[in-house]
C-alpha cells in the first residue's frame, strides 16, 4: 500500500500543512457528529489539478444550499497548493476538499484539503469497466426540486445511504449503482453521473430531479458538442440503458467508467468509449 498522504487545514487565514497522522478535527465538529458539511473530490494528474475551478464552483453552490460560511476560492487554492507541494508528479491522486460547520454557534467552519493516491479499485474500474445494479431512491423525480431541505444538488457529507447502496450492489455481485425515482426515471450513481449514447446523441438525466450537477459530464458534453456529437438532457429509464449503444458512469477521479452489465445483463459500448476518453482528455 502506498503511504503517500498530504493534509492541509485553513487556520487563522492561512493554509497550514500537518502530518497525515495528526488529528485535525475535534470530536465535537458538526461535520462528524451530524454530517453537516460538504466536500469535493478533485483529480490530481501530473502534479496538477486541471479541473479544480469547476469543483470550486460546485463547492460554493453546495455551501450556499447548506448556508455554510466558506473561506473562498483563494483559500481553497492555497490549501490545494500546500498539499501538492511535495507530491510526486508520476503519482495520480485524489484531493478531497472538506468544509463543515465546525462547532457551530458562530464559530469558524472547518476547511480541509486531503491528498491521497487514487485507489487501485478505481483504476481497475476505469480500465475494465463496471457492472451496475439499478436501485430505487424512494422519491419522485420532481420532488427534490421543490424541497430545499432535502439538499438536492448539494454534495454533502451525508453519504451513508450512498455507501449502503454500493454495499448492497456488491452483495448482488455488481460494482456500482444507478439510482431511480419512484416512477422509474434515471437519477445518478452514488458517486457519479449517468450518461448514455443512443440515436447518435449523448444523454444525461436532468438536474431538476435533484441530482448533483456533474463536472465531468459537463466537460464531456462541452467537448462533444464542439466535436459534432449532439448532446441532450433526457428523462431516461432503465429500459433506455438496456437499449443504449453505450452507458457510462462519470466522475472526477474515475473518469468515464463504461458500464458492461446492467442488472445482470451484459451489454457493449459500440467502441464509443474510446471517443469519450479522447474528448475528456482534451
C-alpha atoms as a PDB file:
ATOM      1  CA  UNK A   1       0.000   0.000   0.000  1.00  0.00           C
ATOM      2  CA  UNK A   2       1.329   3.433  -0.900  1.00  0.00           C
ATOM      3  CA  UNK A   3       1.570   5.541   2.255  1.00  0.00           C
ATOM      4  CA  UNK A   4       1.867   8.854   0.422  1.00  0.00           C
ATOM      5  CA  UNK A   5      -0.592  11.264   2.056  1.00  0.00           C
ATOM      6  CA  UNK A   6      -0.820  15.038   2.455  1.00  0.00           C
ATOM      7  CA  UNK A   7      -3.102  17.192   4.623  1.00  0.00           C
ATOM      8  CA  UNK A   8      -3.698  20.937   4.919  1.00  0.00           C
ATOM      9  CA  UNK A   9      -6.089  22.874   7.146  1.00  0.00           C
ATOM     10  CA  UNK A  10      -7.205  26.522   6.988  1.00  0.00           C
ATOM     11  CA  UNK A  11      -6.200  28.241  10.220  1.00  0.00           C
ATOM     12  CA  UNK A  12      -6.141  31.946  11.049  1.00  0.00           C
ATOM     13  CA  UNK A  13      -6.337  32.969   7.387  1.00  0.00           C
ATOM     14  CA  UNK A  14      -3.607  30.651   6.107  1.00  0.00           C
ATOM     15  CA  UNK A  15      -3.144  27.132   4.724  1.00  0.00           C
ATOM     16  CA  UNK A  16      -1.225  25.016   7.233  1.00  0.00           C
ATOM     17  CA  UNK A  17       0.128  21.585   6.358  1.00  0.00           C
ATOM     18  CA  UNK A  18       0.067  18.966   9.108  1.00  0.00           C
ATOM     19  CA  UNK A  19       1.370  15.383   9.346  1.00  0.00           C
ATOM     20  CA  UNK A  20      -1.097  12.993   7.773  1.00  0.00           C
ATOM     21  CA  UNK A  21      -1.433  11.002  11.013  1.00  0.00           C
ATOM     22  CA  UNK A  22      -2.136  14.080  13.154  1.00  0.00           C
ATOM     23  CA  UNK A  23      -5.777  14.779  14.178  1.00  0.00           C
ATOM     24  CA  UNK A  24      -7.149  17.997  12.697  1.00  0.00           C
ATOM     25  CA  UNK A  25     -10.864  17.845  13.628  1.00  0.00           C
ATOM     26  CA  UNK A  26     -12.302  17.976  17.137  1.00  0.00           C
ATOM     27  CA  UNK A  27     -14.722  15.235  18.155  1.00  0.00           C
ATOM     28  CA  UNK A  28     -17.354  17.964  18.627  1.00  0.00           C
ATOM     29  CA  UNK A  29     -17.187  19.102  14.977  1.00  0.00           C
ATOM     30  CA  UNK A  30     -20.696  19.101  13.490  1.00  0.00           C
ATOM     31  CA  UNK A  31     -19.353  17.530  10.325  1.00  0.00           C
ATOM     32  CA  UNK A  32     -18.526  14.443  12.366  1.00  0.00           C
ATOM     33  CA  UNK A  33     -21.490  14.465  14.731  1.00  0.00           C
ATOM     34  CA  UNK A  34     -24.205  15.352  12.194  1.00  0.00           C
ATOM     35  CA  UNK A  35     -22.670  15.066   8.737  1.00  0.00           C
ATOM     36  CA  UNK A  36     -23.251  18.824   8.489  1.00  0.00           C
ATOM     37  CA  UNK A  37     -20.858  19.715   5.703  1.00  0.00           C
ATOM     38  CA  UNK A  38     -19.868  19.371   2.075  1.00  0.00           C
ATOM     39  CA  UNK A  39     -16.959  18.071   0.040  1.00  0.00           C
ATOM     40  CA  UNK A  40     -15.435  17.747  -3.424  1.00  0.00           C
ATOM     41  CA  UNK A  41     -13.067  15.151  -4.912  1.00  0.00           C
ATOM     42  CA  UNK A  42     -10.585  16.648  -7.366  1.00  0.00           C
ATOM     43  CA  UNK A  43      -8.351  14.653  -9.711  1.00  0.00           C
ATOM     44  CA  UNK A  44      -4.597  15.225  -9.437  1.00  0.00           C
ATOM     45  CA  UNK A  45      -2.740  14.413 -12.659  1.00  0.00           C
ATOM     46  CA  UNK A  46       0.955  15.102 -13.269  1.00  0.00           C
ATOM     47  CA  UNK A  47       1.060  17.046 -10.026  1.00  0.00           C
ATOM     48  CA  UNK A  48      -1.745  19.395 -11.113  1.00  0.00           C
ATOM     49  CA  UNK A  49      -5.493  19.839 -10.605  1.00  0.00           C
ATOM     50  CA  UNK A  50      -6.623  20.783 -14.143  1.00  0.00           C
ATOM     51  CA  UNK A  51     -10.343  20.816 -13.267  1.00  0.00           C
ATOM     52  CA  UNK A  52     -10.206  22.500  -9.873  1.00  0.00           C
ATOM     53  CA  UNK A  53     -12.186  25.581 -10.954  1.00  0.00           C
ATOM     54  CA  UNK A  54     -15.320  23.583 -11.783  1.00  0.00           C
ATOM     55  CA  UNK A  55     -15.170  21.804  -8.429  1.00  0.00           C
ATOM     56  CA  UNK A  56     -14.774  25.098  -6.554  1.00  0.00           C
ATOM     57  CA  UNK A  57     -17.832  26.471  -8.345  1.00  0.00           C
ATOM     58  CA  UNK A  58     -19.849  23.434  -7.247  1.00  0.00           C
ATOM     59  CA  UNK A  59     -18.414  23.639  -3.728  1.00  0.00           C
ATOM     60  CA  UNK A  60     -19.578  27.254  -3.465  1.00  0.00           C
ATOM     61  CA  UNK A  61     -23.040  26.243  -4.654  1.00  0.00           C
ATOM     62  CA  UNK A  62     -23.230  23.399  -2.122  1.00  0.00           C
ATOM     63  CA  UNK A  63     -22.132  25.760   0.671  1.00  0.00           C
ATOM     64  CA  UNK A  64     -24.893  28.197  -0.263  1.00  0.00           C
ATOM     65  CA  UNK A  65     -27.509  25.422  -0.229  1.00  0.00           C
ATOM     66  CA  UNK A  66     -26.442  24.475   3.312  1.00  0.00           C
ATOM     67  CA  UNK A  67     -25.979  28.063   4.481  1.00  0.00           C
ATOM     68  CA  UNK A  68     -22.325  27.310   5.281  1.00  0.00           C
ATOM     69  CA  UNK A  69     -19.787  30.134   5.591  1.00  0.00           C
ATOM     70  CA  UNK A  70     -16.989  29.353   3.134  1.00  0.00           C
ATOM     71  CA  UNK A  71     -13.357  30.528   3.176  1.00  0.00           C
ATOM     72  CA  UNK A  72     -13.423  31.444  -0.546  1.00  0.00           C
ATOM     73  CA  UNK A  73     -11.705  30.138  -3.668  1.00  0.00           C
ATOM     74  CA  UNK A  74      -8.334  31.681  -2.811  1.00  0.00           C
ATOM     75  CA  UNK A  75      -8.231  29.782   0.469  1.00  0.00           C
ATOM     76  CA  UNK A  76      -9.044  26.505  -1.253  1.00  0.00           C
ATOM     77  CA  UNK A  77      -6.393  27.119  -3.898  1.00  0.00           C
ATOM     78  CA  UNK A  78      -3.813  27.800  -1.201  1.00  0.00           C
ATOM     79  CA  UNK A  79      -4.729  24.593   0.604  1.00  0.00           C
ATOM     80  CA  UNK A  80      -4.532  22.611  -2.625  1.00  0.00           C
ATOM     81  CA  UNK A  81      -1.138  24.139  -3.395  1.00  0.00           C
ATOM     82  CA  UNK A  82       0.046  23.201   0.095  1.00  0.00           C
ATOM     83  CA  UNK A  83      -0.845  19.510  -0.224  1.00  0.00           C
ATOM     84  CA  UNK A  84       0.579  19.363  -3.765  1.00  0.00           C
ATOM     85  CA  UNK A  85       3.929  20.918  -2.820  1.00  0.00           C
ATOM     86  CA  UNK A  86       5.841  17.648  -2.420  1.00  0.00           C
ATOM     87  CA  UNK A  87       3.505  15.348  -4.334  1.00  0.00           C
ATOM     88  CA  UNK A  88       5.253  13.091  -6.911  1.00  0.00           C
ATOM     89  CA  UNK A  89       4.215  14.139 -10.424  1.00  0.00           C
ATOM     90  CA  UNK A  90       4.085  10.499 -11.543  1.00  0.00           C
ATOM     91  CA  UNK A  91       1.551   9.545  -8.855  1.00  0.00           C
ATOM     92  CA  UNK A  92      -2.109  10.064  -9.739  1.00  0.00           C
ATOM     93  CA  UNK A  93      -4.029  11.345  -6.750  1.00  0.00           C
ATOM     94  CA  UNK A  94      -7.376  12.476  -5.434  1.00  0.00           C
ATOM     95  CA  UNK A  95      -7.604  15.736  -3.477  1.00  0.00           C
ATOM     96  CA  UNK A  96     -10.657  15.911  -1.238  1.00  0.00           C
ATOM     97  CA  UNK A  97     -11.843  19.305  -0.032  1.00  0.00           C
ATOM     98  CA  UNK A  98     -13.971  19.253   3.123  1.00  0.00           C
ATOM     99  CA  UNK A  99     -15.993  22.074   4.636  1.00  0.00           C
ATOM    100  CA  UNK A 100     -18.007  21.552   7.829  1.00  0.00           C
ATOM    101  CA  UNK A 101     -19.968  23.817  10.145  1.00  0.00           C
ATOM    102  CA  UNK A 102     -17.250  23.332  12.744  1.00  0.00           C
ATOM    103  CA  UNK A 103     -18.532  23.812  16.303  1.00  0.00           C
ATOM    104  CA  UNK A 104     -21.473  25.941  15.126  1.00  0.00           C
ATOM    105  CA  UNK A 105     -22.851  28.919  17.040  1.00  0.00           C
ATOM    106  CA  UNK A 106     -20.906  31.483  15.028  1.00  0.00           C
ATOM    107  CA  UNK A 107     -17.558  29.677  15.213  1.00  0.00           C
ATOM    108  CA  UNK A 108     -15.399  29.378  12.077  1.00  0.00           C
ATOM    109  CA  UNK A 109     -16.096  26.450   9.744  1.00  0.00           C
ATOM    110  CA  UNK A 110     -13.624  23.603   9.388  1.00  0.00           C
ATOM    111  CA  UNK A 111     -11.868  23.585   5.993  1.00  0.00           C
ATOM    112  CA  UNK A 112      -9.514  20.776   4.995  1.00  0.00           C
ATOM    113  CA  UNK A 113      -7.676  19.502   1.934  1.00  0.00           C
ATOM    114  CA  UNK A 114      -6.629  15.834   1.931  1.00  0.00           C
ATOM    115  CA  UNK A 115      -4.495  14.306  -0.831  1.00  0.00           C
ATOM    116  CA  UNK A 116      -4.026  10.572  -1.338  1.00  0.00           C
ATOM    117  CA  UNK A 117      -3.278   8.178  -4.206  1.00  0.00           C
ATOM    118  CA  UNK A 118      -6.191   7.066  -6.383  1.00  0.00           C
ATOM    119  CA  UNK A 119      -7.393   3.695  -5.025  1.00  0.00           C
ATOM    120  CA  UNK A 120      -6.399   0.642  -7.042  1.00  0.00           C
ATOM    121  CA  UNK A 121     -10.042  -0.414  -7.446  1.00  0.00           C
ATOM    122  CA  UNK A 122     -10.881   2.954  -9.025  1.00  0.00           C
ATOM    123  CA  UNK A 123      -8.082   2.478 -11.565  1.00  0.00           C
ATOM    124  CA  UNK A 124      -9.301  -1.059 -12.268  1.00  0.00           C
ATOM    125  CA  UNK A 125     -12.876   0.057 -12.886  1.00  0.00           C
ATOM    126  CA  UNK A 126     -11.667   2.828 -15.177  1.00  0.00           C
ATOM    127  CA  UNK A 127      -9.707   0.314 -17.247  1.00  0.00           C
ATOM    128  CA  UNK A 128     -12.026  -2.702 -17.187  1.00  0.00           C
ATOM    129  CA  UNK A 129     -15.480  -1.143 -16.879  1.00  0.00           C
ATOM    130  CA  UNK A 130     -18.175  -1.837 -14.306  1.00  0.00           C
ATOM    131  CA  UNK A 131     -21.374  -3.719 -13.657  1.00  0.00           C
ATOM    132  CA  UNK A 132     -24.257  -1.797 -12.088  1.00  0.00           C
ATOM    133  CA  UNK A 133     -27.458  -2.578 -10.237  1.00  0.00           C
ATOM    134  CA  UNK A 134     -30.423  -0.221 -10.512  1.00  0.00           C
ATOM    135  CA  UNK A 135     -31.903   0.669  -7.114  1.00  0.00           C
ATOM    136  CA  UNK A 136     -34.847   2.870  -6.159  1.00  0.00           C
ATOM    137  CA  UNK A 137     -34.041   6.033  -4.182  1.00  0.00           C
ATOM    138  CA  UNK A 138     -37.621   6.300  -2.900  1.00  0.00           C
ATOM    139  CA  UNK A 139     -38.517   9.815  -4.097  1.00  0.00           C
ATOM    140  CA  UNK A 140     -40.495  11.104  -7.088  1.00  0.00           C
ATOM    141  CA  UNK A 141     -38.297  12.549  -9.809  1.00  0.00           C
ATOM    142  CA  UNK A 142     -39.589  16.098  -9.394  1.00  0.00           C
ATOM    143  CA  UNK A 143     -39.927  16.193  -5.592  1.00  0.00           C
ATOM    144  CA  UNK A 144     -36.479  17.430  -4.514  1.00  0.00           C
ATOM    145  CA  UNK A 145     -36.684  20.434  -6.849  1.00  0.00           C
ATOM    146  CA  UNK A 146     -39.367  21.879  -4.564  1.00  0.00           C
ATOM    147  CA  UNK A 147     -37.916  20.586  -1.291  1.00  0.00           C
ATOM    148  CA  UNK A 148     -34.769  22.595  -0.492  1.00  0.00           C
ATOM    149  CA  UNK A 149     -34.447  20.899   2.920  1.00  0.00           C
ATOM    150  CA  UNK A 150     -33.530  17.668   1.073  1.00  0.00           C
ATOM    151  CA  UNK A 151     -30.441  19.445  -0.351  1.00  0.00           C
ATOM    152  CA  UNK A 152     -30.883  18.138  -3.869  1.00  0.00           C
ATOM    153  CA  UNK A 153     -27.873  19.096  -5.968  1.00  0.00           C
ATOM    154  CA  UNK A 154     -25.569  19.603  -2.965  1.00  0.00           C
ATOM    155  CA  UNK A 155     -22.518  17.382  -2.438  1.00  0.00           C
ATOM    156  CA  UNK A 156     -22.915  16.833   1.291  1.00  0.00           C
ATOM    157  CA  UNK A 157     -21.011  14.683   3.772  1.00  0.00           C
ATOM    158  CA  UNK A 158     -24.207  12.684   4.393  1.00  0.00           C
ATOM    159  CA  UNK A 159     -23.192   9.751   2.192  1.00  0.00           C
ATOM    160  CA  UNK A 160     -24.393   6.889   4.412  1.00  0.00           C
ATOM    161  CA  UNK A 161     -27.239   5.963   2.026  1.00  0.00           C
ATOM    162  CA  UNK A 162     -24.933   6.187  -0.992  1.00  0.00           C
ATOM    163  CA  UNK A 163     -22.378   3.885   0.614  1.00  0.00           C
ATOM    164  CA  UNK A 164     -25.090   1.477   1.785  1.00  0.00           C
ATOM    165  CA  UNK A 165     -26.366   1.314  -1.796  1.00  0.00           C
ATOM    166  CA  UNK A 166     -22.899   0.431  -3.068  1.00  0.00           C
ATOM    167  CA  UNK A 167     -22.505  -2.283  -0.419  1.00  0.00           C
ATOM    168  CA  UNK A 168     -25.884  -3.717  -1.438  1.00  0.00           C
ATOM    169  CA  UNK A 169     -24.757  -3.701  -5.067  1.00  0.00           C
ATOM    170  CA  UNK A 170     -21.618  -5.593  -4.050  1.00  0.00           C
ATOM    171  CA  UNK A 171     -23.827  -8.163  -2.292  1.00  0.00           C
ATOM    172  CA  UNK A 172     -25.654  -8.564  -5.609  1.00  0.00           C
ATOM    173  CA  UNK A 173     -22.348  -9.066  -7.422  1.00  0.00           C
ATOM    174  CA  UNK A 174     -22.284  -5.589  -9.026  1.00  0.00           C
ATOM    175  CA  UNK A 175     -19.647  -2.855  -8.789  1.00  0.00           C
ATOM    176  CA  UNK A 176     -21.865   0.214  -8.567  1.00  0.00           C
ATOM    177  CA  UNK A 177     -25.396   1.617  -8.609  1.00  0.00           C
ATOM    178  CA  UNK A 178     -27.730   3.681 -10.754  1.00  0.00           C
ATOM    179  CA  UNK A 179     -30.473   5.240  -8.635  1.00  0.00           C
ATOM    180  CA  UNK A 180     -34.012   5.534  -9.995  1.00  0.00           C
ATOM    181  CA  UNK A 181     -37.014   7.593  -8.889  1.00  0.00           C
ATOM    182  CA  UNK A 182     -40.362   6.184  -7.755  1.00  0.00           C
ATOM    183  CA  UNK A 183     -41.600   6.481 -11.357  1.00  0.00           C
ATOM    184  CA  UNK A 184     -38.566   4.592 -12.640  1.00  0.00           C
ATOM    185  CA  UNK A 185     -36.697   7.594 -14.054  1.00  0.00           C
ATOM    186  CA  UNK A 186     -32.910   7.577 -14.066  1.00  0.00           C
ATOM    187  CA  UNK A 187     -31.211   9.746 -11.448  1.00  0.00           C
ATOM    188  CA  UNK A 188     -27.465   9.252 -10.744  1.00  0.00           C
ATOM    189  CA  UNK A 189     -24.916   6.932  -9.216  1.00  0.00           C
ATOM    190  CA  UNK A 190     -23.885   7.219  -5.547  1.00  0.00           C
ATOM    191  CA  UNK A 191     -20.680   8.995  -6.636  1.00  0.00           C
ATOM    192  CA  UNK A 192     -21.227   9.565 -10.353  1.00  0.00           C
ATOM    193  CA  UNK A 193     -23.343  10.930 -13.198  1.00  0.00           C
ATOM    194  CA  UNK A 194     -25.147   8.662 -15.661  1.00  0.00           C
ATOM    195  CA  UNK A 195     -24.507   9.195 -19.383  1.00  0.00           C
ATOM    196  CA  UNK A 196     -25.674   7.038 -22.258  1.00  0.00           C
ATOM    197  CA  UNK A 197     -25.370   7.131 -26.036  1.00  0.00           C
ATOM    198  CA  UNK A 198     -28.410   6.457 -28.208  1.00  0.00           C
ATOM    199  CA  UNK A 199     -29.531   7.579 -31.652  1.00  0.00           C
ATOM    200  CA  UNK A 200     -26.224   9.343 -32.292  1.00  0.00           C
ATOM    201  CA  UNK A 201     -26.665  11.547 -29.195  1.00  0.00           C
ATOM    202  CA  UNK A 202     -25.192  11.636 -25.698  1.00  0.00           C
ATOM    203  CA  UNK A 203     -27.846  11.755 -22.969  1.00  0.00           C
ATOM    204  CA  UNK A 204     -27.866  12.526 -19.237  1.00  0.00           C
ATOM    205  CA  UNK A 205     -30.739  12.967 -16.727  1.00  0.00           C
ATOM    206  CA  UNK A 206     -31.968  16.491 -15.849  1.00  0.00           C
ATOM    207  CA  UNK A 207     -30.598  18.153 -12.698  1.00  0.00           C
ATOM    208  CA  UNK A 208     -34.162  19.238 -11.874  1.00  0.00           C
ATOM    209  CA  UNK A 209     -34.563  15.745 -10.377  1.00  0.00           C
ATOM    210  CA  UNK A 210     -32.273  16.868  -7.555  1.00  0.00           C
ATOM    211  CA  UNK A 211     -29.166  15.069  -8.760  1.00  0.00           C
ATOM    212  CA  UNK A 212     -25.711  16.545  -8.387  1.00  0.00           C
ATOM    213  CA  UNK A 213     -24.580  18.544 -11.444  1.00  0.00           C
ATOM    214  CA  UNK A 214     -21.672  16.518 -12.816  1.00  0.00           C
ATOM    215  CA  UNK A 215     -18.458  18.431 -13.529  1.00  0.00           C
ATOM    216  CA  UNK A 216     -17.077  15.608 -15.717  1.00  0.00           C
ATOM    217  CA  UNK A 217     -20.385  15.226 -17.543  1.00  0.00           C
ATOM    218  CA  UNK A 218     -20.443  18.968 -18.260  1.00  0.00           C
ATOM    219  CA  UNK A 219     -16.886  18.831 -19.581  1.00  0.00           C
ATOM    220  CA  UNK A 220     -17.708  15.840 -21.793  1.00  0.00           C
ATOM    221  CA  UNK A 221     -20.840  17.469 -23.220  1.00  0.00           C
ATOM    222  CA  UNK A 222     -18.968  20.687 -23.994  1.00  0.00           C
ATOM    223  CA  UNK A 223     -16.214  18.790 -25.813  1.00  0.00           C
ATOM    224  CA  UNK A 224     -18.716  16.523 -27.602  1.00  0.00           C
ATOM    225  CA  UNK A 225     -20.764  19.464 -28.890  1.00  0.00           C
ATOM    226  CA  UNK A 226     -17.599  21.099 -30.222  1.00  0.00           C
ATOM    227  CA  UNK A 227     -16.727  17.808 -31.911  1.00  0.00           C
ATOM    228  CA  UNK A 228     -20.129  17.497 -33.608  1.00  0.00           C
ATOM    229  CA  UNK A 229     -21.598  14.882 -31.253  1.00  0.00           C
ATOM    230  CA  UNK A 230     -25.095  16.045 -30.221  1.00  0.00           C
ATOM    231  CA  UNK A 231     -25.987  16.077 -26.519  1.00  0.00           C
ATOM    232  CA  UNK A 232     -29.317  16.038 -24.716  1.00  0.00           C
ATOM    233  CA  UNK A 233     -30.718  16.289 -21.206  1.00  0.00           C
ATOM    234  CA  UNK A 234     -33.176  13.395 -21.204  1.00  0.00           C
ATOM    235  CA  UNK A 235     -35.544  11.943 -18.567  1.00  0.00           C
ATOM    236  CA  UNK A 236     -34.484   8.340 -19.253  1.00  0.00           C
ATOM    237  CA  UNK A 237     -35.437   4.982 -17.779  1.00  0.00           C
ATOM    238  CA  UNK A 238     -33.666   1.682 -17.105  1.00  0.00           C
ATOM    239  CA  UNK A 239     -35.064   0.432 -20.431  1.00  0.00           C
ATOM    240  CA  UNK A 240     -33.148   3.261 -22.096  1.00  0.00           C
ATOM    241  CA  UNK A 241     -29.933   1.960 -20.564  1.00  0.00           C
ATOM    242  CA  UNK A 242     -30.601  -1.538 -21.885  1.00  0.00           C
ATOM    243  CA  UNK A 243     -31.395  -0.158 -25.354  1.00  0.00           C
ATOM    244  CA  UNK A 244     -28.488   2.317 -25.454  1.00  0.00           C
ATOM    245  CA  UNK A 245     -25.447   1.991 -27.682  1.00  0.00           C
ATOM    246  CA  UNK A 246     -23.240   2.611 -24.622  1.00  0.00           C
ATOM    247  CA  UNK A 247     -23.578   3.587 -20.960  1.00  0.00           C
ATOM    248  CA  UNK A 248     -21.049   5.242 -18.645  1.00  0.00           C
ATOM    249  CA  UNK A 249     -20.831   6.438 -15.067  1.00  0.00           C
ATOM    250  CA  UNK A 250     -18.805   9.671 -14.992  1.00  0.00           C
ATOM    251  CA  UNK A 251     -16.915  11.089 -12.030  1.00  0.00           C
ATOM    252  CA  UNK A 252     -13.994  13.422 -11.497  1.00  0.00           C
ATOM    253  CA  UNK A 253     -11.430  10.824 -10.423  1.00  0.00           C
ATOM    254  CA  UNK A 254     -12.604   7.595 -12.069  1.00  0.00           C
ATOM    255  CA  UNK A 255     -13.386   9.412 -15.308  1.00  0.00           C
ATOM    256  CA  UNK A 256     -15.741   7.635 -17.726  1.00  0.00           C
ATOM    257  CA  UNK A 257     -16.263   4.072 -16.493  1.00  0.00           C
ATOM    258  CA  UNK A 258     -18.011   2.083 -19.205  1.00  0.00           C
ATOM    259  CA  UNK A 259     -20.952   0.014 -17.926  1.00  0.00           C
ATOM    260  CA  UNK A 260     -20.650  -3.524 -19.294  1.00  0.00           C
ATOM    261  CA  UNK A 261     -23.515  -5.025 -17.260  1.00  0.00           C
ATOM    262  CA  UNK A 262     -26.878  -3.610 -16.109  1.00  0.00           C
ATOM    263  CA  UNK A 263     -28.856  -5.697 -13.595  1.00  0.00           C
ATOM    264  CA  UNK A 264     -27.010  -8.822 -14.663  1.00  0.00           C
ATOM    265  CA  UNK A 265     -27.491  -8.243 -18.404  1.00  0.00           C
ATOM    266  CA  UNK A 266     -24.267  -7.853 -20.384  1.00  0.00           C
ATOM    267  CA  UNK A 267     -24.002  -5.039 -22.916  1.00  0.00           C
ATOM    268  CA  UNK A 268     -21.408  -3.482 -25.210  1.00  0.00           C
ATOM    269  CA  UNK A 269     -20.259   0.063 -25.879  1.00  0.00           C
ATOM    270  CA  UNK A 270     -20.130   0.182 -29.696  1.00  0.00           C
ATOM    271  CA  UNK A 271     -16.458   1.226 -29.421  1.00  0.00           C
ATOM    272  CA  UNK A 272     -17.690   4.653 -28.252  1.00  0.00           C
ATOM    273  CA  UNK A 273     -15.697   4.678 -25.010  1.00  0.00           C
ATOM    274  CA  UNK A 274     -12.533   5.436 -26.921  1.00  0.00           C
ATOM    275  CA  UNK A 275     -14.100   8.617 -28.285  1.00  0.00           C
ATOM    276  CA  UNK A 276     -15.422   9.616 -24.848  1.00  0.00           C
ATOM    277  CA  UNK A 277     -11.974   9.217 -23.298  1.00  0.00           C
ATOM    278  CA  UNK A 278     -10.393  11.243 -26.097  1.00  0.00           C
ATOM    279  CA  UNK A 279     -12.898  14.057 -25.587  1.00  0.00           C
ATOM    280  CA  UNK A 280     -12.306  14.130 -21.830  1.00  0.00           C
ATOM    281  CA  UNK A 281      -8.558  14.246 -22.382  1.00  0.00           C
ATOM    282  CA  UNK A 282      -8.777  17.467 -24.410  1.00  0.00           C
END
